[in-house]
Amino acid sequence: MEILTALLPLIFPLGIIIFIIVFVIRTIRKIERRAEERLKLEREKSAILHQQMNEINNRMTNIEKMLKEVD
């Protein structure tokens, strides 16, 4: 019992340090997951915008061809 009371002042700060380390690691992982999700959404948005630009470009090309045919 005396050993336990002697080690208690050492165990308590060690436990707090371990708790802080675990908390920091969990927080970092959560932030990384959010960043990856944002990046995924941005890539999807970029792909959609690229597709829309291609469609608009194709429409413009068709309009130009029609106008040249009319002249």
PDB file of N, CA and C in Angstrom:
ATOM      1  N   MET A   1       0.818  -1.191   0.000  1.00  0.00           N
ATOM      2  CA  MET A   1       0.000   0.000   0.000  1.00  0.00           C
ATOM      3  C   MET A   1       0.862   1.255   0.000  1.00  0.00           C
ATOM      4  N   GLU A   2       1.987   1.180   0.671  1.00  0.00           N
ATOM      5  CA  GLU A   2       2.880   2.334   0.702  1.00  0.00           C
ATOM      6  C   GLU A   2       3.484   2.602  -0.673  1.00  0.00           C
ATOM      7  N   ILE A   3       3.684   1.533  -1.425  1.00  0.00           N
ATOM      8  CA  ILE A   3       4.237   1.698  -2.775  1.00  0.00           C
ATOM      9  C   ILE A   3       3.232   2.444  -3.652  1.00  0.00           C
ATOM     10  N   LEU A   4       1.968   2.076  -3.520  1.00  0.00           N
ATOM     11  CA  LEU A   4       0.918   2.739  -4.303  1.00  0.00           C
ATOM     12  C   LEU A   4       0.828   4.225  -3.970  1.00  0.00           C
ATOM     13  N   THR A   5       0.873   4.548  -2.698  1.00  0.00           N
ATOM     14  CA  THR A   5       0.811   5.962  -2.311  1.00  0.00           C
ATOM     15  C   THR A   5       2.071   6.702  -2.726  1.00  0.00           C
ATOM     16  N   ALA A   6       3.178   5.989  -2.797  1.00  0.00           N
ATOM     17  CA  ALA A   6       4.418   6.625  -3.228  1.00  0.00           C
ATOM     18  C   ALA A   6       4.413   6.858  -4.747  1.00  0.00           C
ATOM     19  N   LEU A   7       3.783   5.956  -5.490  1.00  0.00           N
ATOM     20  CA  LEU A   7       3.759   6.087  -6.946  1.00  0.00           C
ATOM     21  C   LEU A   7       2.617   6.966  -7.454  1.00  0.00           C
ATOM     22  N   LEU A   8       1.624   7.204  -6.619  1.00  0.00           N
ATOM     23  CA  LEU A   8       0.471   7.999  -7.027  1.00  0.00           C
ATOM     24  C   LEU A   8       0.864   9.387  -7.551  1.00  0.00           C
ATOM     25  N   PRO A   9       1.757  10.096  -6.914  1.00  0.00           N
ATOM     26  CA  PRO A   9       2.154  11.402  -7.464  1.00  0.00           C
ATOM     27  C   PRO A   9       2.836  11.292  -8.836  1.00  0.00           C
ATOM     28  N   LEU A  10       3.392  10.136  -9.159  1.00  0.00           N
ATOM     29  CA  LEU A  10       4.008   9.950 -10.469  1.00  0.00           C
ATOM     30  C   LEU A  10       2.988   9.477 -11.506  1.00  0.00           C
ATOM     31  N   ILE A  11       2.049   8.641 -11.085  1.00  0.00           N
ATOM     32  CA  ILE A  11       1.068   8.068 -11.996  1.00  0.00           C
ATOM     33  C   ILE A  11       0.063   9.126 -12.461  1.00  0.00           C
ATOM     34  N   PHE A  12      -0.365   9.973 -11.570  1.00  0.00           N
ATOM     35  CA  PHE A  12      -1.369  10.980 -11.900  1.00  0.00           C
ATOM     36  C   PHE A  12      -0.913  11.932 -13.018  1.00  0.00           C
ATOM     37  N   PRO A  13       0.257  12.556 -12.918  1.00  0.00           N
ATOM     38  CA  PRO A  13       0.710  13.425 -14.022  1.00  0.00           C
ATOM     39  C   PRO A  13       0.926  12.646 -15.323  1.00  0.00           C
ATOM     40  N   LEU A  14       1.403  11.418 -15.200  1.00  0.00           N
ATOM     41  CA  LEU A  14       1.607  10.587 -16.381  1.00  0.00           C
ATOM     42  C   LEU A  14       0.276  10.302 -17.070  1.00  0.00           C
ATOM     43  N   GLY A  15      -0.751  10.036 -16.278  1.00  0.00           N
ATOM     44  CA  GLY A  15      -2.085   9.807 -16.831  1.00  0.00           C
ATOM     45  C   GLY A  15      -2.621  11.034 -17.537  1.00  0.00           C
ATOM     46  N   ILE A  16      -2.396  12.184 -16.956  1.00  0.00           N
ATOM     47  CA  ILE A  16      -2.843  13.439 -17.578  1.00  0.00           C
ATOM     48  C   ILE A  16      -2.114  13.666 -18.902  1.00  0.00           C
ATOM     49  N   ILE A  17      -0.823  13.411 -18.918  1.00  0.00           N
ATOM     50  CA  ILE A  17      -0.042  13.588 -20.147  1.00  0.00           C
ATOM     51  C   ILE A  17      -0.535  12.636 -21.227  1.00  0.00           C
ATOM     52  N   ILE A  18      -0.795  11.395 -20.864  1.00  0.00           N
ATOM     53  CA  ILE A  18      -1.307  10.418 -21.830  1.00  0.00           C
ATOM     54  C   ILE A  18      -2.667  10.860 -22.346  1.00  0.00           C
ATOM     55  N   PHE A  19      -3.534  11.338 -21.464  1.00  0.00           N
ATOM     56  CA  PHE A  19      -4.855  11.823 -21.872  1.00  0.00           C
ATOM     57  C   PHE A  19      -4.722  12.981 -22.859  1.00  0.00           C
ATOM     58  N   ILE A  20      -3.836  13.905 -22.596  1.00  0.00           N
ATOM     59  CA  ILE A  20      -3.641  15.053 -23.486  1.00  0.00           C
ATOM     60  C   ILE A  20      -3.133  14.592 -24.851  1.00  0.00           C
ATOM     61  N   ILE A  21      -2.192  13.654 -24.860  1.00  0.00           N
ATOM     62  CA  ILE A  21      -1.650  13.142 -26.126  1.00  0.00           C
ATOM     63  C   ILE A  21      -2.748  12.468 -26.938  1.00  0.00           C
ATOM     64  N   VAL A  22      -3.561  11.645 -26.288  1.00  0.00           N
ATOM     65  CA  VAL A  22      -4.660  10.960 -26.986  1.00  0.00           C
ATOM     66  C   VAL A  22      -5.651  11.980 -27.528  1.00  0.00           C
ATOM     67  N   PHE A  23      -5.967  12.988 -26.743  1.00  0.00           N
ATOM     68  CA  PHE A  23      -6.903  14.026 -27.179  1.00  0.00           C
ATOM     69  C   PHE A  23      -6.366  14.772 -28.400  1.00  0.00           C
ATOM     70  N   VAL A  24      -5.098  15.115 -28.378  1.00  0.00           N
ATOM     71  CA  VAL A  24      -4.485  15.833 -29.500  1.00  0.00           C
ATOM     72  C   VAL A  24      -4.498  14.964 -30.758  1.00  0.00           C
ATOM     73  N   ILE A  25      -4.156  13.691 -30.612  1.00  0.00           N
ATOM     74  CA  ILE A  25      -4.136  12.791 -31.770  1.00  0.00           C
ATOM     75  C   ILE A  25      -5.534  12.653 -32.359  1.00  0.00           C
ATOM     76  N   ARG A  26      -6.544  12.481 -31.524  1.00  0.00           N
ATOM     77  CA  ARG A  26      -7.922  12.375 -32.016  1.00  0.00           C
ATOM     78  C   ARG A  26      -8.352  13.650 -32.729  1.00  0.00           C
ATOM     79  N   THR A  27      -7.994  14.785 -32.166  1.00  0.00           N
ATOM     80  CA  THR A  27      -8.354  16.061 -32.774  1.00  0.00           C
ATOM     81  C   THR A  27      -7.689  16.219 -34.136  1.00  0.00           C
ATOM     82  N   ILE A  28      -6.426  15.859 -34.229  1.00  0.00           N
ATOM     83  CA  ILE A  28      -5.713  15.959 -35.500  1.00  0.00           C
ATOM     84  C   ILE A  28      -6.347  15.041 -36.538  1.00  0.00           C
ATOM     85  N   ARG A  29      -6.685  13.825 -36.159  1.00  0.00           N
ATOM     86  CA  ARG A  29      -7.320  12.897 -37.101  1.00  0.00           C
ATOM     87  C   ARG A  29      -8.670  13.435 -37.581  1.00  0.00           C
ATOM     88  N   LYS A  30      -9.420  14.030 -36.670  1.00  0.00           N
ATOM     89  CA  LYS A  30     -10.721  14.595 -37.037  1.00  0.00           C
ATOM     90  C   LYS A  30     -10.534  15.739 -38.038  1.00  0.00           C
ATOM     91  N   ILE A  31      -9.558  16.584 -37.796  1.00  0.00           N
ATOM     92  CA  ILE A  31      -9.276  17.697 -38.703  1.00  0.00           C
ATOM     93  C   ILE A  31      -8.845  17.172 -40.069  1.00  0.00           C
ATOM     94  N   GLU A  32      -8.012  16.125 -40.075  1.00  0.00           N
ATOM     95  CA  GLU A  32      -7.571  15.536 -41.341  1.00  0.00           C
ATOM     96  C   GLU A  32      -8.751  14.956 -42.117  1.00  0.00           C
ATOM     97  N   ARG A  33      -9.665  14.277 -41.423  1.00  0.00           N
ATOM     98  CA  ARG A  33     -10.835  13.712 -42.098  1.00  0.00           C
ATOM     99  C   ARG A  33     -11.689  14.818 -42.720  1.00  0.00           C
ATOM    100  N   ARG A  34     -11.864  15.901 -41.988  1.00  0.00           N
ATOM    101  CA  ARG A  34     -12.651  17.030 -42.519  1.00  0.00           C
ATOM    102  C   ARG A  34     -11.971  17.635 -43.733  1.00  0.00           C
ATOM    103  N   ALA A  35     -10.657  17.776 -43.670  1.00  0.00           N
ATOM    104  CA  ALA A  35      -9.915  18.345 -44.796  1.00  0.00           C
ATOM    105  C   ALA A  35     -10.007  17.429 -46.015  1.00  0.00           C
ATOM    106  N   GLU A  36      -9.915  16.124 -45.794  1.00  0.00           N
ATOM    107  CA  GLU A  36     -10.033  15.183 -46.911  1.00  0.00           C
ATOM    108  C   GLU A  36     -11.427  15.237 -47.522  1.00  0.00           C
ATOM    109  N   GLU A  37     -12.442  15.377 -46.691  1.00  0.00           N
ATOM    110  CA  GLU A  37     -13.815  15.472 -47.196  1.00  0.00           C
ATOM    111  C   GLU A  37     -13.998  16.749 -48.005  1.00  0.00           C
ATOM    112  N   ARG A  38     -13.445  17.861 -47.507  1.00  0.00           N
ATOM    113  CA  ARG A  38     -13.528  19.120 -48.259  1.00  0.00           C
ATOM    114  C   ARG A  38     -12.809  18.998 -49.601  1.00  0.00           C
ATOM    115  N   LEU A  39     -11.646  18.369 -49.589  1.00  0.00           N
ATOM    116  CA  LEU A  39     -10.888  18.189 -50.820  1.00  0.00           C
ATOM    117  C   LEU A  39     -11.667  17.328 -51.813  1.00  0.00           C
ATOM    118  N   LYS A  40     -12.303  16.284 -51.319  1.00  0.00           N
ATOM    119  CA  LYS A  40     -13.117  15.420 -52.182  1.00  0.00           C
ATOM    120  C   LYS A  40     -14.258  16.217 -52.809  1.00  0.00           C
ATOM    121  N   LEU A  41     -14.936  17.026 -52.008  1.00  0.00           N
ATOM    122  CA  LEU A  41     -16.036  17.842 -52.527  1.00  0.00           C
ATOM    123  C   LEU A  41     -15.543  18.859 -53.555  1.00  0.00           C
ATOM    124  N   GLU A  42     -14.405  19.462 -53.291  1.00  0.00           N
ATOM    125  CA  GLU A  42     -13.846  20.429 -54.229  1.00  0.00           C
ATOM    126  C   GLU A  42     -13.479  19.759 -55.555  1.00  0.00           C
ATOM    127  N   ARG A  43     -12.942  18.550 -55.489  1.00  0.00           N
ATOM    128  CA  ARG A  43     -12.614  17.825 -56.720  1.00  0.00           C
ATOM    129  C   ARG A  43     -13.877  17.500 -57.507  1.00  0.00           C
ATOM    130  N   GLU A  44     -14.932  17.101 -56.798  1.00  0.00           N
ATOM    131  CA  GLU A  44     -16.197  16.818 -57.481  1.00  0.00           C
ATOM    132  C   GLU A  44     -16.756  18.075 -58.130  1.00  0.00           C
ATOM    133  N   LYS A  45     -16.721  19.182 -57.403  1.00  0.00           N
ATOM    134  CA  LYS A  45     -17.198  20.447 -57.963  1.00  0.00           C
ATOM    135  C   LYS A  45     -16.371  20.838 -59.188  1.00  0.00           C
ATOM    136  N   SER A  46     -15.069  20.658 -59.095  1.00  0.00           N
ATOM    137  CA  SER A  46     -14.188  20.995 -60.202  1.00  0.00           C
ATOM    138  C   SER A  46     -14.500  20.144 -61.431  1.00  0.00           C
ATOM    139  N   ALA A  47     -14.748  18.853 -61.216  1.00  0.00           N
ATOM    140  CA  ALA A  47     -15.081  17.967 -62.334  1.00  0.00           C
ATOM    141  C   ALA A  47     -16.403  18.384 -62.975  1.00  0.00           C
ATOM    142  N   ILE A  48     -17.378  18.743 -62.168  1.00  0.00           N
ATOM    143  CA  ILE A  48     -18.669  19.188 -62.699  1.00  0.00           C
ATOM    144  C   ILE A  48     -18.504  20.482 -63.495  1.00  0.00           C
ATOM    145  N   LEU A  49     -17.743  21.434 -62.954  1.00  0.00           N
ATOM    146  CA  LEU A  49     -17.518  22.696 -63.667  1.00  0.00           C
ATOM    147  C   LEU A  49     -16.782  22.469 -64.982  1.00  0.00           C
ATOM    148  N   HIS A  50     -15.813  21.558 -64.969  1.00  0.00           N
ATOM    149  CA  HIS A  50     -15.072  21.237 -66.180  1.00  0.00           C
ATOM    150  C   HIS A  50     -16.012  20.646 -67.231  1.00  0.00           C
ATOM    151  N   GLN A  51     -16.892  19.764 -66.809  1.00  0.00           N
ATOM    152  CA  GLN A  51     -17.861  19.165 -67.717  1.00  0.00           C
ATOM    153  C   GLN A  51     -18.803  20.232 -68.283  1.00  0.00           C
ATOM    154  N   GLN A  52     -19.261  21.135 -67.432  1.00  0.00           N
ATOM    155  CA  GLN A  52     -20.142  22.208 -67.888  1.00  0.00           C
ATOM    156  C   GLN A  52     -19.433  23.125 -68.887  1.00  0.00           C
ATOM    157  N   MET A  53     -18.170  23.409 -68.624  1.00  0.00           N
ATOM    158  CA  MET A  53     -17.405  24.250 -69.559  1.00  0.00           C
ATOM    159  C   MET A  53     -17.253  23.552 -70.902  1.00  0.00           C
ATOM    160  N   ASN A  54     -17.027  22.254 -70.891  1.00  0.00           N
ATOM    161  CA  ASN A  54     -16.925  21.512 -72.153  1.00  0.00           C
ATOM    162  C   ASN A  54     -18.243  21.560 -72.915  1.00  0.00           C
ATOM    163  N   GLU A  55     -19.352  21.410 -72.205  1.00  0.00           N
ATOM    164  CA  GLU A  55     -20.658  21.477 -72.857  1.00  0.00           C
ATOM    165  C   GLU A  55     -20.913  22.859 -73.461  1.00  0.00           C
ATOM    166  N   ILE A  56     -20.570  23.892 -72.715  1.00  0.00           N
ATOM    167  CA  ILE A  56     -20.746  25.260 -73.226  1.00  0.00           C
ATOM    168  C   ILE A  56     -19.850  25.485 -74.438  1.00  0.00           C
ATOM    169  N   ASN A  57     -18.637  24.987 -74.376  1.00  0.00           N
ATOM    170  CA  ASN A  57     -17.712  25.124 -75.497  1.00  0.00           C
ATOM    171  C   ASN A  57     -18.258  24.420 -76.731  1.00  0.00           C
ATOM    172  N   ASN A  58     -18.808  23.224 -76.554  1.00  0.00           N
ATOM    173  CA  ASN A  58     -19.401  22.496 -77.676  1.00  0.00           C
ATOM    174  C   ASN A  58     -20.592  23.256 -78.258  1.00  0.00           C
ATOM    175  N   ARG A  59     -21.416  23.826 -77.419  1.00  0.00           N
ATOM    176  CA  ARG A  59     -22.567  24.606 -77.889  1.00  0.00           C
ATOM    177  C   ARG A  59     -22.106  25.822 -78.684  1.00  0.00           C
ATOM    178  N   MET A  60     -21.081  26.487 -78.153  1.00  0.00           N
ATOM    179  CA  MET A  60     -20.554  27.667 -78.859  1.00  0.00           C
ATOM    180  C   MET A  60     -19.998  27.275 -80.221  1.00  0.00           C
ATOM    181  N   THR A  61     -19.310  26.159 -80.278  1.00  0.00           N
ATOM    182  CA  THR A  61     -18.770  25.683 -81.554  1.00  0.00           C
ATOM    183  C   THR A  61     -19.901  25.406 -82.540  1.00  0.00           C
ATOM    184  N   ASN A  62     -20.958  24.761 -82.062  1.00  0.00           N
ATOM    185  CA  ASN A  62     -22.104  24.485 -82.929  1.00  0.00           C
ATOM    186  C   ASN A  62     -22.768  25.778 -83.416  1.00  0.00           C
ATOM    187  N   ILE A  63     -22.897  26.743 -82.554  1.00  0.00           N
ATOM    188  CA  ILE A  63     -23.488  28.032 -82.926  1.00  0.00           C
ATOM    189  C   ILE A  63     -22.620  28.724 -83.977  1.00  0.00           C
ATOM    190  N   GLU A  64     -21.300  28.683 -83.777  1.00  0.00           N
ATOM    191  CA  GLU A  64     -20.393  29.303 -84.744  1.00  0.00           C
ATOM    192  C   GLU A  64     -20.508  28.622 -86.110  1.00  0.00           C
ATOM    193  N   LYS A  65     -20.591  27.302 -86.120  1.00  0.00           N
ATOM    194  CA  LYS A  65     -20.752  26.569 -87.383  1.00  0.00           C
ATOM    195  C   LYS A  65     -22.049  26.955 -88.079  1.00  0.00           C
ATOM    196  N   MET A  66     -23.123  27.052 -87.288  1.00  0.00           N
ATOM    197  CA  MET A  66     -24.409  27.437 -87.873  1.00  0.00           C
ATOM    198  C   MET A  66     -24.346  28.840 -88.452  1.00  0.00           C
ATOM    199  N   LEU A  67     -23.701  29.755 -87.749  1.00  0.00           N
ATOM    200  CA  LEU A  67     -23.591  31.128 -88.240  1.00  0.00           C
ATOM    201  C   LEU A  67     -22.753  31.199 -89.517  1.00  0.00           C
ATOM    202  N   LYS A  68     -21.705  30.386 -89.591  1.00  0.00           N
ATOM    203  CA  LYS A  68     -20.891  30.367 -90.803  1.00  0.00           C
ATOM    204  C   LYS A  68     -21.682  29.803 -91.973  1.00  0.00           C
ATOM    205  N   GLU A  69     -22.526  28.821 -91.716  1.00  0.00           N
ATOM    206  CA  GLU A  69     -23.347  28.221 -92.759  1.00  0.00           C
ATOM    207  C   GLU A  69     -24.375  29.229 -93.286  1.00  0.00           C
ATOM    208  N   VAL A  70     -24.873  30.087 -92.394  1.00  0.00           N
ATOM    209  CA  VAL A  70     -25.871  31.071 -92.788  1.00  0.00           C
ATOM    210  C   VAL A  70     -25.252  32.139 -93.673  1.00  0.00           C
ATOM    211  N   ASP A  71     -24.018  32.512 -93.374  1.00  0.00           N
ATOM    212  CA  ASP A  71     -23.346  33.564 -94.156  1.00  0.00           C
ATOM    213  C   ASP A  71     -23.014  33.045 -95.484  1.00  0.00           C
TER     214      ASP A  71
END
